[in-house]
Amino acid sequence: MLVGEVIGSVWATRKEDGLTGLKLLIVQPGLTETDRPGQPAFVAVDRIGAGVGDHVMVTTGSSAASILEGKRLPIDALIIGIIDSVDTGSG
């Protein structure tokens, strides 16, 4: 699982049929600027209503591709939660 910040949206008028109706967001890994050196942003599917500026939890790989029962979609990343707060216990 990854954490990151939603930094934008992707609009695609033509895409794989299985992706119709799914919102695509750009996620920058890490929660703060200091957590992000050299980590490229990526596109993730959102079904929970995240938006630009939200900190999110993302799952990747086969878990992301299996969001619909009995059907695998061409998805590499799926937003699975919107983060309210983080406590690392270090201060």
N, C-alpha and C. Protein backbone atom coordinates (compact mmCIF):
# COMPACT_ATOMS: atom_id res chain seq x y z
N MET A 1 0.84 -1.17 0.00
CA MET A 1 0.00 0.00 0.00
C MET A 1 0.89 1.24 0.00
N LEU A 2 0.45 2.25 -0.72
CA LEU A 2 1.18 3.51 -0.80
C LEU A 2 0.32 4.63 -0.24
N VAL A 3 0.96 5.72 0.15
CA VAL A 3 0.24 6.94 0.51
C VAL A 3 0.74 8.06 -0.39
N GLY A 4 -0.13 9.02 -0.66
CA GLY A 4 0.26 10.12 -1.52
C GLY A 4 -0.80 11.20 -1.52
N GLU A 5 -0.55 12.22 -2.34
CA GLU A 5 -1.47 13.34 -2.47
C GLU A 5 -2.00 13.41 -3.89
N VAL A 6 -3.30 13.62 -4.03
CA VAL A 6 -3.91 13.79 -5.35
C VAL A 6 -3.52 15.17 -5.86
N ILE A 7 -2.87 15.19 -7.05
CA ILE A 7 -2.40 16.47 -7.59
C ILE A 7 -3.08 16.85 -8.89
N GLY A 8 -3.97 16.00 -9.40
CA GLY A 8 -4.65 16.34 -10.64
C GLY A 8 -5.58 15.25 -11.10
N SER A 9 -6.22 15.50 -12.23
CA SER A 9 -7.17 14.57 -12.83
C SER A 9 -6.74 14.23 -14.24
N VAL A 10 -7.19 13.08 -14.72
CA VAL A 10 -6.97 12.68 -16.11
C VAL A 10 -8.34 12.51 -16.76
N TRP A 11 -8.51 13.14 -17.91
CA TRP A 11 -9.76 13.02 -18.66
C TRP A 11 -9.45 12.28 -19.95
N ALA A 12 -10.18 11.21 -20.21
CA ALA A 12 -9.99 10.42 -21.42
C ALA A 12 -11.35 10.11 -22.02
N THR A 13 -11.63 10.66 -23.19
CA THR A 13 -12.93 10.42 -23.80
C THR A 13 -13.02 9.02 -24.39
N ARG A 14 -11.88 8.45 -24.76
CA ARG A 14 -11.87 7.07 -25.28
C ARG A 14 -10.93 6.27 -24.40
N LYS A 15 -11.43 5.15 -23.91
CA LYS A 15 -10.62 4.26 -23.07
C LYS A 15 -11.21 2.86 -23.11
N GLU A 16 -10.50 1.91 -22.55
CA GLU A 16 -10.95 0.53 -22.45
C GLU A 16 -12.36 0.50 -21.87
N ASP A 17 -13.23 -0.35 -22.43
CA ASP A 17 -14.63 -0.42 -21.99
C ASP A 17 -14.77 -0.61 -20.49
N GLY A 18 -13.93 -1.42 -19.89
CA GLY A 18 -14.02 -1.68 -18.45
C GLY A 18 -13.74 -0.47 -17.59
N LEU A 19 -13.13 0.57 -18.18
CA LEU A 19 -12.81 1.78 -17.43
C LEU A 19 -13.89 2.87 -17.54
N THR A 20 -14.91 2.61 -18.33
CA THR A 20 -15.99 3.58 -18.50
C THR A 20 -16.64 3.88 -17.16
N GLY A 21 -16.77 5.16 -16.86
CA GLY A 21 -17.40 5.59 -15.61
C GLY A 21 -16.47 5.68 -14.42
N LEU A 22 -15.22 5.28 -14.58
CA LEU A 22 -14.26 5.35 -13.47
C LEU A 22 -13.47 6.66 -13.53
N LYS A 23 -13.30 7.31 -12.38
CA LYS A 23 -12.55 8.57 -12.31
C LYS A 23 -11.06 8.26 -12.19
N LEU A 24 -10.24 8.98 -12.96
CA LEU A 24 -8.80 8.79 -12.96
C LEU A 24 -8.13 10.02 -12.34
N LEU A 25 -7.31 9.81 -11.32
CA LEU A 25 -6.63 10.89 -10.63
C LEU A 25 -5.12 10.69 -10.67
N ILE A 26 -4.38 11.78 -10.63
CA ILE A 26 -2.91 11.72 -10.57
C ILE A 26 -2.50 11.81 -9.11
N VAL A 27 -1.71 10.85 -8.67
CA VAL A 27 -1.26 10.78 -7.27
C VAL A 27 0.25 10.95 -7.21
N GLN A 28 0.70 11.85 -6.33
CA GLN A 28 2.13 12.03 -6.07
C GLN A 28 2.44 11.28 -4.77
N PRO A 29 3.31 10.25 -4.84
CA PRO A 29 3.64 9.49 -3.63
C PRO A 29 4.23 10.37 -2.54
N GLY A 30 3.99 10.00 -1.29
CA GLY A 30 4.50 10.74 -0.13
C GLY A 30 3.46 11.72 0.37
N LEU A 31 3.54 12.03 1.66
CA LEU A 31 2.57 12.96 2.26
C LEU A 31 3.07 14.39 2.32
N THR A 32 4.38 14.57 2.28
CA THR A 32 4.95 15.92 2.34
C THR A 32 5.99 16.06 1.25
N GLU A 33 6.38 17.28 0.96
CA GLU A 33 7.41 17.53 -0.07
C GLU A 33 8.70 16.77 0.23
N THR A 34 9.07 16.61 1.50
CA THR A 34 10.32 15.92 1.84
C THR A 34 10.23 14.42 1.63
N ASP A 35 9.01 13.86 1.52
CA ASP A 35 8.83 12.43 1.28
C ASP A 35 8.90 12.07 -0.20
N ARG A 36 9.06 13.06 -1.10
CA ARG A 36 8.86 12.83 -2.53
C ARG A 36 10.09 12.89 -3.42
N PRO A 37 11.29 12.85 -2.93
CA PRO A 37 12.42 13.01 -3.85
C PRO A 37 12.48 11.88 -4.88
N GLY A 38 12.39 12.26 -6.16
CA GLY A 38 12.55 11.30 -7.24
C GLY A 38 11.41 10.33 -7.45
N GLN A 39 10.31 10.47 -6.74
CA GLN A 39 9.20 9.55 -6.91
C GLN A 39 8.22 10.12 -7.94
N PRO A 40 8.06 9.46 -9.07
CA PRO A 40 7.16 10.00 -10.10
C PRO A 40 5.69 9.83 -9.71
N ALA A 41 4.89 10.77 -10.16
CA ALA A 41 3.44 10.68 -9.97
C ALA A 41 2.89 9.56 -10.85
N PHE A 42 1.72 9.06 -10.51
CA PHE A 42 1.09 7.99 -11.29
C PHE A 42 -0.42 8.20 -11.30
N VAL A 43 -1.09 7.49 -12.22
CA VAL A 43 -2.54 7.57 -12.34
C VAL A 43 -3.17 6.44 -11.53
N ALA A 44 -4.22 6.78 -10.77
CA ALA A 44 -4.94 5.79 -9.99
C ALA A 44 -6.44 5.95 -10.23
N VAL A 45 -7.15 4.85 -10.20
CA VAL A 45 -8.61 4.87 -10.30
C VAL A 45 -9.17 5.24 -8.93
N ASP A 46 -10.20 6.10 -8.95
CA ASP A 46 -10.86 6.52 -7.71
C ASP A 46 -12.34 6.19 -7.78
N ARG A 47 -12.83 5.40 -6.80
CA ARG A 47 -14.26 5.10 -6.70
C ARG A 47 -14.82 5.60 -5.38
N ILE A 48 -14.02 6.30 -4.57
CA ILE A 48 -14.49 6.71 -3.25
C ILE A 48 -14.69 8.21 -3.11
N GLY A 49 -14.40 8.98 -4.15
CA GLY A 49 -14.68 10.42 -4.11
C GLY A 49 -13.54 11.29 -3.67
N ALA A 50 -12.31 10.87 -3.88
CA ALA A 50 -11.15 11.71 -3.56
C ALA A 50 -11.07 12.87 -4.55
N GLY A 51 -10.34 13.91 -4.17
CA GLY A 51 -10.17 15.05 -5.05
C GLY A 51 -8.80 15.66 -4.89
N VAL A 52 -8.50 16.63 -5.72
CA VAL A 52 -7.20 17.30 -5.69
C VAL A 52 -6.95 17.86 -4.29
N GLY A 53 -5.76 17.59 -3.77
CA GLY A 53 -5.37 18.04 -2.44
C GLY A 53 -5.58 17.01 -1.35
N ASP A 54 -6.37 15.97 -1.63
CA ASP A 54 -6.59 14.93 -0.62
C ASP A 54 -5.36 14.03 -0.50
N HIS A 55 -5.08 13.62 0.72
CA HIS A 55 -4.07 12.58 0.95
C HIS A 55 -4.81 11.25 0.93
N VAL A 56 -4.25 10.28 0.19
CA VAL A 56 -4.95 9.03 -0.06
C VAL A 56 -4.07 7.82 0.18
N MET A 57 -4.73 6.66 0.39
CA MET A 57 -4.08 5.36 0.43
C MET A 57 -4.36 4.68 -0.90
N VAL A 58 -3.35 4.04 -1.46
CA VAL A 58 -3.47 3.43 -2.78
C VAL A 58 -2.96 1.99 -2.71
N THR A 59 -3.70 1.09 -3.32
CA THR A 59 -3.22 -0.28 -3.48
C THR A 59 -2.84 -0.46 -4.95
N THR A 60 -1.88 -1.33 -5.21
CA THR A 60 -1.40 -1.53 -6.57
C THR A 60 -1.40 -3.01 -6.93
N GLY A 61 -1.19 -3.27 -8.19
CA GLY A 61 -1.06 -4.65 -8.66
C GLY A 61 -2.38 -5.38 -8.80
N SER A 62 -2.36 -6.69 -8.54
CA SER A 62 -3.54 -7.52 -8.77
C SER A 62 -4.73 -7.12 -7.90
N SER A 63 -4.48 -6.59 -6.72
CA SER A 63 -5.59 -6.13 -5.87
C SER A 63 -6.35 -5.00 -6.53
N ALA A 64 -5.63 -4.10 -7.18
CA ALA A 64 -6.28 -2.98 -7.86
C ALA A 64 -7.08 -3.46 -9.07
N ALA A 65 -6.55 -4.43 -9.79
CA ALA A 65 -7.20 -4.91 -11.01
C ALA A 65 -8.46 -5.72 -10.73
N SER A 66 -8.68 -6.12 -9.48
CA SER A 66 -9.79 -7.00 -9.13
C SER A 66 -10.93 -6.26 -8.43
N ILE A 67 -11.18 -5.00 -8.79
CA ILE A 67 -12.20 -4.24 -8.07
C ILE A 67 -13.62 -4.68 -8.39
N LEU A 68 -13.83 -5.33 -9.52
CA LEU A 68 -15.15 -5.84 -9.87
C LEU A 68 -15.14 -7.36 -9.75
N GLU A 69 -16.13 -7.90 -9.06
CA GLU A 69 -16.19 -9.33 -8.84
C GLU A 69 -16.29 -10.08 -10.17
N GLY A 70 -15.39 -11.03 -10.35
CA GLY A 70 -15.42 -11.86 -11.54
C GLY A 70 -14.84 -11.24 -12.79
N LYS A 71 -14.27 -10.03 -12.68
CA LYS A 71 -13.73 -9.36 -13.86
C LYS A 71 -12.46 -8.61 -13.48
N ARG A 72 -11.40 -8.83 -14.23
CA ARG A 72 -10.15 -8.11 -14.00
C ARG A 72 -10.07 -6.94 -14.98
N LEU A 73 -9.73 -5.77 -14.46
CA LEU A 73 -9.64 -4.57 -15.28
C LEU A 73 -8.17 -4.18 -15.48
N PRO A 74 -7.87 -3.43 -16.54
CA PRO A 74 -6.49 -2.99 -16.78
C PRO A 74 -6.12 -1.80 -15.88
N ILE A 75 -6.02 -2.08 -14.58
CA ILE A 75 -5.75 -1.04 -13.58
C ILE A 75 -4.51 -1.44 -12.79
N ASP A 76 -3.58 -0.49 -12.62
CA ASP A 76 -2.38 -0.74 -11.82
C ASP A 76 -2.47 -0.15 -10.42
N ALA A 77 -3.33 0.87 -10.24
CA ALA A 77 -3.41 1.55 -8.94
C ALA A 77 -4.86 1.94 -8.66
N LEU A 78 -5.28 1.75 -7.40
CA LEU A 78 -6.65 2.04 -6.97
C LEU A 78 -6.63 2.77 -5.64
N ILE A 79 -7.29 3.92 -5.57
CA ILE A 79 -7.40 4.65 -4.31
C ILE A 79 -8.39 3.90 -3.43
N ILE A 80 -7.95 3.54 -2.22
CA ILE A 80 -8.79 2.75 -1.32
C ILE A 80 -9.15 3.50 -0.04
N GLY A 81 -8.62 4.70 0.16
CA GLY A 81 -8.97 5.46 1.35
C GLY A 81 -8.49 6.90 1.25
N ILE A 82 -9.24 7.78 1.91
CA ILE A 82 -8.85 9.18 2.05
C ILE A 82 -8.35 9.36 3.47
N ILE A 83 -7.12 9.85 3.61
CA ILE A 83 -6.46 9.96 4.91
C ILE A 83 -6.93 11.23 5.63
N ASP A 84 -7.41 11.05 6.87
CA ASP A 84 -7.81 12.19 7.70
C ASP A 84 -6.63 12.74 8.49
N SER A 85 -5.82 11.84 9.05
CA SER A 85 -4.63 12.27 9.79
C SER A 85 -3.65 11.13 9.88
N VAL A 86 -2.40 11.47 10.17
CA VAL A 86 -1.33 10.48 10.33
C VAL A 86 -0.60 10.80 11.62
N ASP A 87 -0.35 9.78 12.43
CA ASP A 87 0.40 9.94 13.68
C ASP A 87 1.54 8.94 13.67
N THR A 88 2.76 9.44 13.54
CA THR A 88 3.92 8.53 13.53
C THR A 88 4.48 8.30 14.92
N GLY A 89 3.93 9.01 15.91
CA GLY A 89 4.39 8.84 17.29
C GLY A 89 5.73 9.46 17.56
N SER A 90 6.24 10.26 16.63
CA SER A 90 7.58 10.83 16.79
C SER A 90 7.55 12.32 17.10
N GLY A 91 6.55 12.74 17.79
CA GLY A 91 6.64 14.14 18.14
C GLY A 91 5.37 14.81 18.32
